[in-house]
Amino acid sequence: MKVIKTIEEMRRWSRSTRARGETIGFVPTMGYLHEGHLRLIREAKKHADRLVVSIYVNPTQFGPNEDFERYPRDFARDESLCKQEGVDAVFYPSNEEMYRPFHKTYVITEDLSEIMCGVSRPTHFRGVTTIVAKLFNIVQPDFAVFGQKDAQQAVIIKRMVEDLNFPVKIIVAPIVRESDGLAMSSRNKYLNSRQRKEATVLYRSLQLAEKEYSGGNHDPESIKQKMRRLIERESGGKIDYIEMVDAETLGAPRPGEGDILVALAVYFNSTRLIDNTILKIR
C-alpha cells in the first residue's frame, strides 16, 4: 500500500493505474476509521480494480465553534486498517497542499445545502462539496462510495456530480450500527457513559417512525411529534431537527409516490449526532 501526500503524486498514481486499463474506486474519509468506514472500503473493492482512501480532516466543513481542532485523529491506526483491508493507496495531504494561499473558489449546491443540517451548520456543505470536488479532480475515480448515515450529504454529492458532469458513479452504502443500534460515528467517542446509553434513543425513534408509517400513519407531523416525545422522555439530548422529506430530492414527502427519508440531529451536550432511516413505498 502506498501513502501519497501530494496532489501531483496522487495524479501520477491515477494516470499510471488508468494506463494499465484498471478502474479506480475511492472512499473519502476524515480518518479515525471505524467499522462503518471499513464497510465502505469493502463495498468499493467490489466495483473497482484499485482502491484509494483519502484521510483528510477538511477545515472548510467545520464552523467557527465546531470541533475541528479536537476531531479525533490517529493516522498510524488508520494506515494499519487500510493495509488490512487491501487498500492500494492512501491519499494523506496537508492543509497547505489542499488549500493554497488565497484560495477563493467554492462549490455550492443551492437549496439542498440550506435545509436540515444546513440550518445549524450554514457553511458545512459548502466545505463538503468543495473538498469532494477537489478530491474527484485529484484522484479521478470511476466509483466513489459514501455512507447512508450522512443521507443529506449523499443527496448533495449526487446532485453535484450530475450538475457538474463528473464522470464518477456514486454508491451509497447502508448505515453500520453498534449492537445496540447507535449509528457508528467517529464522534461517538466524545460521549460519556450516560450519554452513550441515552444516544440509543435515536435509533429507537427511527424504529418508531417505521412502525407508525407501516401501520398506516402517513402524517409527517404526527410521526415527528411522537419521535420528539420519545427522545425527550428517554434522554437529555437537545433536538436540532427531525425531518421527513423525499429521499431523492429532500423536498416535501410524497406518500405513495417516493421513498421518504426520516432524518434527525440531536445534541448530547456539545456532541451532535445524526441518524436516519428510509421508509420504502415500493
Protein backbone atom coordinates (compact mmCIF):
# COMPACT_ATOMS: atom_id res chain seq x y z
CA MET A 1 0.00 0.00 0.00
CA LYS A 2 1.28 3.43 -0.95
CA VAL A 3 0.83 6.54 1.21
CA ILE A 4 0.62 9.61 -1.00
CA LYS A 5 0.90 13.14 0.39
CA THR A 6 0.95 15.42 -2.64
CA ILE A 7 -1.57 16.18 -5.37
CA GLU A 8 0.96 15.65 -8.13
CA GLU A 9 1.98 12.21 -6.86
CA MET A 10 -1.69 11.22 -6.48
CA ARG A 11 -2.36 12.25 -10.07
CA ARG A 12 0.66 10.30 -11.31
CA TRP A 13 -0.59 7.21 -9.47
CA SER A 14 -4.04 7.58 -11.02
CA ARG A 15 -2.65 8.14 -14.51
CA SER A 16 -0.46 5.06 -14.33
CA THR A 17 -3.37 2.98 -12.99
CA ARG A 18 -5.59 4.07 -15.85
CA ALA A 19 -2.80 3.45 -18.36
CA ARG A 20 -2.91 -0.21 -17.29
CA GLY A 21 -6.63 -0.28 -18.03
CA GLU A 22 -7.58 -0.57 -14.36
CA THR A 23 -10.54 1.16 -12.74
CA ILE A 24 -10.27 3.23 -9.56
CA GLY A 25 -12.59 3.15 -6.57
CA PHE A 26 -12.50 5.90 -3.97
CA VAL A 27 -13.60 6.30 -0.35
CA PRO A 28 -13.15 9.83 1.05
CA THR A 29 -12.83 9.94 4.85
CA MET A 30 -11.70 12.23 7.65
CA GLY A 31 -9.86 9.36 9.26
CA TYR A 32 -10.24 7.83 12.72
CA LEU A 33 -11.62 4.83 10.87
CA HIS A 34 -14.23 2.54 12.37
CA GLU A 35 -16.24 -0.42 11.09
CA GLY A 36 -18.56 1.91 9.19
CA HIS A 37 -15.63 3.19 7.11
CA LEU A 38 -14.34 -0.34 6.61
CA ARG A 39 -17.70 -1.38 5.17
CA LEU A 40 -17.41 1.47 2.65
CA ILE A 41 -13.93 0.25 1.73
CA ARG A 42 -15.18 -3.31 1.24
CA GLU A 43 -18.05 -2.07 -0.90
CA ALA A 44 -15.70 -0.03 -3.08
CA LYS A 45 -13.45 -3.04 -3.64
CA LYS A 46 -16.38 -4.85 -5.24
CA HIS A 47 -16.59 -2.29 -8.02
CA ALA A 48 -13.03 -1.33 -8.96
CA ASP A 49 -9.61 -2.83 -9.66
CA ARG A 50 -7.73 -0.39 -7.43
CA LEU A 51 -8.85 1.44 -4.33
CA VAL A 52 -7.88 4.85 -2.94
CA VAL A 53 -8.87 6.04 0.54
CA SER A 54 -8.34 9.69 1.42
CA ILE A 55 -7.70 10.68 5.03
CA TYR A 56 -8.11 14.40 5.46
CA VAL A 57 -9.85 16.43 8.17
CA ASN A 58 -11.23 19.19 5.96
CA PRO A 59 -11.25 22.55 7.77
CA THR A 60 -13.76 24.23 5.45
CA GLN A 61 -16.64 22.00 6.52
CA PHE A 62 -16.30 22.98 10.18
CA GLY A 63 -17.96 26.08 11.59
CA PRO A 64 -16.04 28.55 13.80
CA ASN A 65 -17.29 26.99 17.05
CA GLU A 66 -17.17 23.35 15.96
CA ASP A 67 -14.72 20.57 16.74
CA PHE A 68 -12.06 20.89 14.03
CA GLU A 69 -9.15 21.11 16.46
CA ARG A 70 -10.31 18.23 18.66
CA TYR A 71 -11.67 15.99 15.91
CA PRO A 72 -10.10 12.57 16.59
CA ARG A 73 -7.02 11.74 14.56
CA ASP A 74 -4.86 8.59 14.54
CA PHE A 75 -3.12 8.14 11.21
CA ALA A 76 -0.95 5.19 12.29
CA ARG A 77 -4.06 3.22 13.22
CA ASP A 78 -5.86 4.30 10.04
CA GLU A 79 -2.89 3.26 7.91
CA SER A 80 -2.82 -0.16 9.56
CA LEU A 81 -6.54 -0.70 9.00
CA CYS A 82 -6.27 0.31 5.34
CA LYS A 83 -3.43 -2.19 4.84
CA GLN A 84 -5.53 -4.92 6.42
CA GLU A 85 -8.41 -4.13 4.06
CA GLY A 86 -6.23 -4.28 0.95
CA VAL A 87 -6.34 -0.58 0.08
CA ASP A 88 -3.94 0.25 -2.74
CA ALA A 89 -3.25 3.91 -1.95
CA VAL A 90 -3.98 6.29 0.92
CA PHE A 91 -4.11 9.97 -0.02
CA TYR A 92 -3.00 11.87 3.09
CA PRO A 93 -2.47 15.53 2.18
CA SER A 94 -1.76 18.52 4.41
CA ASN A 95 -3.96 21.60 4.64
CA GLU A 96 -1.26 23.54 2.78
CA GLU A 97 -1.42 21.03 -0.06
CA MET A 98 -5.23 21.12 -0.37
CA TYR A 99 -5.84 24.84 0.15
CA ARG A 100 -3.16 27.03 -1.36
CA PRO A 101 -2.79 30.66 -0.18
CA PHE A 102 -5.62 32.95 -1.29
CA HIS A 103 -7.99 30.08 -2.06
CA LYS A 104 -11.23 31.73 -3.22
CA THR A 105 -13.27 29.12 -5.08
CA TYR A 106 -16.04 27.05 -3.51
CA VAL A 107 -18.72 24.70 -4.81
CA ILE A 108 -22.25 25.35 -3.56
CA THR A 109 -25.30 23.17 -4.12
CA GLU A 110 -28.13 25.64 -3.70
CA ASP A 111 -31.28 24.90 -1.68
CA LEU A 112 -30.24 21.35 -0.74
CA SER A 113 -27.46 22.69 1.47
CA GLU A 114 -29.70 25.19 3.26
CA ILE A 115 -32.10 22.77 4.97
CA MET A 116 -31.80 20.16 7.73
CA CYS A 117 -28.12 20.08 8.78
CA GLY A 118 -27.54 23.23 6.72
CA VAL A 119 -29.64 25.31 9.11
CA SER A 120 -27.42 24.84 12.16
CA ARG A 121 -24.26 24.35 10.07
CA PRO A 122 -24.66 27.01 7.34
CA THR A 123 -21.18 26.65 5.80
CA HIS A 124 -20.83 22.89 6.25
CA PHE A 125 -21.99 21.64 2.87
CA ARG A 126 -20.07 24.33 1.01
CA GLY A 127 -16.96 22.79 2.55
CA VAL A 128 -18.11 19.24 1.79
CA THR A 129 -18.89 19.83 -1.87
CA THR A 130 -15.72 21.84 -2.37
CA ILE A 131 -13.42 19.20 -0.90
CA VAL A 132 -15.19 16.32 -2.67
CA ALA A 133 -14.95 18.16 -6.00
CA LYS A 134 -11.24 18.74 -5.38
CA LEU A 135 -10.69 15.12 -4.42
CA PHE A 136 -12.55 13.88 -7.50
CA ASN A 137 -10.34 16.08 -9.70
CA ILE A 138 -7.20 14.82 -7.97
CA VAL A 139 -7.95 11.10 -7.63
CA GLN A 140 -10.00 10.77 -10.85
CA PRO A 141 -12.03 7.77 -9.60
CA ASP A 142 -14.54 5.74 -11.56
CA PHE A 143 -16.56 4.99 -8.42
CA ALA A 144 -16.89 6.69 -5.05
CA VAL A 145 -18.62 5.24 -2.01
CA PHE A 146 -20.39 7.30 0.65
CA GLY A 147 -22.38 6.24 3.71
CA GLN A 148 -26.14 6.44 4.12
CA LYS A 149 -25.66 7.81 7.65
CA ASP A 150 -24.86 11.15 6.04
CA ALA A 151 -28.02 10.99 3.94
CA GLN A 152 -28.25 14.70 3.11
CA GLN A 153 -24.59 14.70 2.11
CA ALA A 154 -25.15 11.75 -0.22
CA VAL A 155 -28.05 13.50 -1.97
CA ILE A 156 -25.99 16.69 -2.33
CA ILE A 157 -22.97 14.84 -3.73
CA LYS A 158 -25.15 13.05 -6.26
CA ARG A 159 -26.63 16.37 -7.35
CA MET A 160 -23.19 17.98 -7.64
CA VAL A 161 -21.87 15.07 -9.72
CA GLU A 162 -24.85 15.28 -12.08
CA ASP A 163 -24.89 19.06 -12.36
CA LEU A 164 -21.13 19.43 -12.90
CA ASN A 165 -20.75 16.36 -15.12
CA PHE A 166 -18.24 14.48 -13.01
CA PRO A 167 -17.59 11.05 -14.62
CA VAL A 168 -17.92 9.34 -11.23
CA LYS A 169 -20.53 6.78 -10.21
CA ILE A 170 -21.76 7.41 -6.66
CA ILE A 171 -22.57 4.38 -4.50
CA VAL A 172 -24.33 4.82 -1.16
CA ALA A 173 -23.69 2.04 1.37
CA PRO A 174 -26.05 1.19 4.26
CA ILE A 175 -25.66 2.58 7.77
CA VAL A 176 -23.48 0.46 10.06
CA ARG A 177 -24.69 0.29 13.65
CA GLU A 178 -23.36 -0.79 17.00
CA SER A 179 -25.04 -3.83 18.58
CA ASP A 180 -27.45 -1.53 20.46
CA GLY A 181 -28.44 0.35 17.31
CA LEU A 182 -26.34 3.52 17.62
CA ALA A 183 -25.03 4.54 14.20
CA MET A 184 -21.25 4.28 14.07
CA SER A 185 -19.52 7.66 14.07
CA SER A 186 -16.07 8.97 14.92
CA ARG A 187 -17.81 11.50 17.18
CA ASN A 188 -19.28 8.76 19.39
CA LYS A 189 -16.01 8.83 21.33
CA TYR A 190 -16.99 12.23 22.71
CA LEU A 191 -19.94 10.74 24.62
CA ASN A 192 -19.64 9.90 28.31
CA SER A 193 -21.16 6.64 29.55
CA ARG A 194 -24.56 8.18 30.33
CA GLN A 195 -24.79 9.99 27.01
CA ARG A 196 -23.67 6.88 25.14
CA LYS A 197 -26.52 4.91 26.70
CA GLU A 198 -29.07 7.65 26.08
CA ALA A 199 -27.98 8.09 22.45
CA THR A 200 -29.53 4.73 21.55
CA VAL A 201 -32.90 6.51 21.66
CA LEU A 202 -32.12 7.99 18.25
CA TYR A 203 -32.40 4.62 16.55
CA ARG A 204 -35.42 3.70 18.63
CA SER A 205 -37.15 6.88 17.48
CA LEU A 206 -36.45 5.93 13.87
CA GLN A 207 -37.85 2.47 14.50
CA LEU A 208 -40.93 4.16 15.94
CA ALA A 209 -41.31 6.14 12.71
CA GLU A 210 -41.04 2.94 10.68
CA LYS A 211 -43.69 1.27 12.83
CA GLU A 212 -46.05 4.23 12.61
CA TYR A 213 -45.68 4.51 8.85
CA SER A 214 -46.10 0.79 8.18
CA GLY A 215 -49.15 0.84 10.46
CA GLY A 216 -50.86 3.42 8.27
CA ASN A 217 -49.88 6.72 9.90
CA HIS A 218 -48.65 8.80 6.96
CA ASP A 219 -48.89 12.17 8.70
CA PRO A 220 -45.33 13.55 8.96
CA GLU A 221 -46.16 15.96 11.77
CA SER A 222 -47.76 13.24 13.86
CA ILE A 223 -44.80 10.92 13.39
CA LYS A 224 -42.25 13.63 14.14
CA GLN A 225 -44.09 14.63 17.29
CA LYS A 226 -44.09 11.04 18.56
CA MET A 227 -40.37 10.78 17.83
CA ARG A 228 -39.73 14.05 19.64
CA ARG A 229 -41.63 12.94 22.73
CA LEU A 230 -39.69 9.66 22.86
CA ILE A 231 -36.29 11.36 22.59
CA GLU A 232 -37.16 13.98 25.20
CA ARG A 233 -38.60 11.39 27.57
CA GLU A 234 -35.68 8.97 27.40
CA SER A 235 -32.66 11.22 27.07
CA GLY A 236 -31.21 14.59 27.91
CA GLY A 237 -30.49 15.21 24.24
CA LYS A 238 -31.36 18.55 22.67
CA ILE A 239 -33.11 18.04 19.34
CA ASP A 240 -31.67 20.08 16.48
CA TYR A 241 -34.20 18.81 13.94
CA ILE A 242 -36.43 15.91 12.98
CA GLU A 243 -37.47 15.94 9.32
CA MET A 244 -39.40 13.76 6.89
CA VAL A 245 -38.55 14.54 3.28
CA ASP A 246 -38.48 12.93 -0.14
CA ALA A 247 -35.47 10.59 -0.11
CA GLU A 248 -34.25 11.64 -3.56
CA THR A 249 -34.96 15.37 -3.66
CA LEU A 250 -35.11 16.36 0.03
CA GLY A 251 -38.33 18.15 -0.88
CA ALA A 252 -41.78 17.63 0.56
CA PRO A 253 -42.58 13.93 1.08
CA ARG A 254 -44.82 12.25 -1.46
CA PRO A 255 -46.55 9.40 0.36
CA GLY A 256 -47.29 6.61 -2.07
CA GLU A 257 -45.04 8.11 -4.77
CA GLY A 258 -41.47 8.22 -3.46
CA ASP A 259 -39.42 6.83 -0.61
CA ILE A 260 -39.35 9.04 2.47
CA LEU A 261 -36.20 9.93 4.40
CA VAL A 262 -36.67 10.34 8.14
CA ALA A 263 -33.62 12.20 9.42
CA LEU A 264 -32.65 13.75 12.73
CA ALA A 265 -29.86 15.53 14.53
CA VAL A 266 -29.57 15.65 18.32
CA TYR A 267 -27.03 17.28 20.61
CA PHE A 268 -25.71 15.43 23.64
CA ASN A 269 -24.01 18.34 25.38
CA SER A 270 -21.77 19.66 22.57
CA THR A 271 -21.72 16.41 20.58
CA ARG A 272 -24.07 16.45 17.62
CA LEU A 273 -25.20 13.06 16.32
CA ILE A 274 -27.19 12.38 13.16
CA ASP A 275 -29.12 9.33 12.02
CA ASN A 276 -31.83 8.40 9.55
CA THR A 277 -33.97 5.72 8.02
CA ILE A 278 -35.80 5.41 4.70
CA LEU A 279 -39.46 4.50 4.55
CA LYS A 280 -39.83 2.39 1.43
CA ILE A 281 -43.03 2.71 -0.58
CA ARG A 282 -42.16 0.19 -3.27
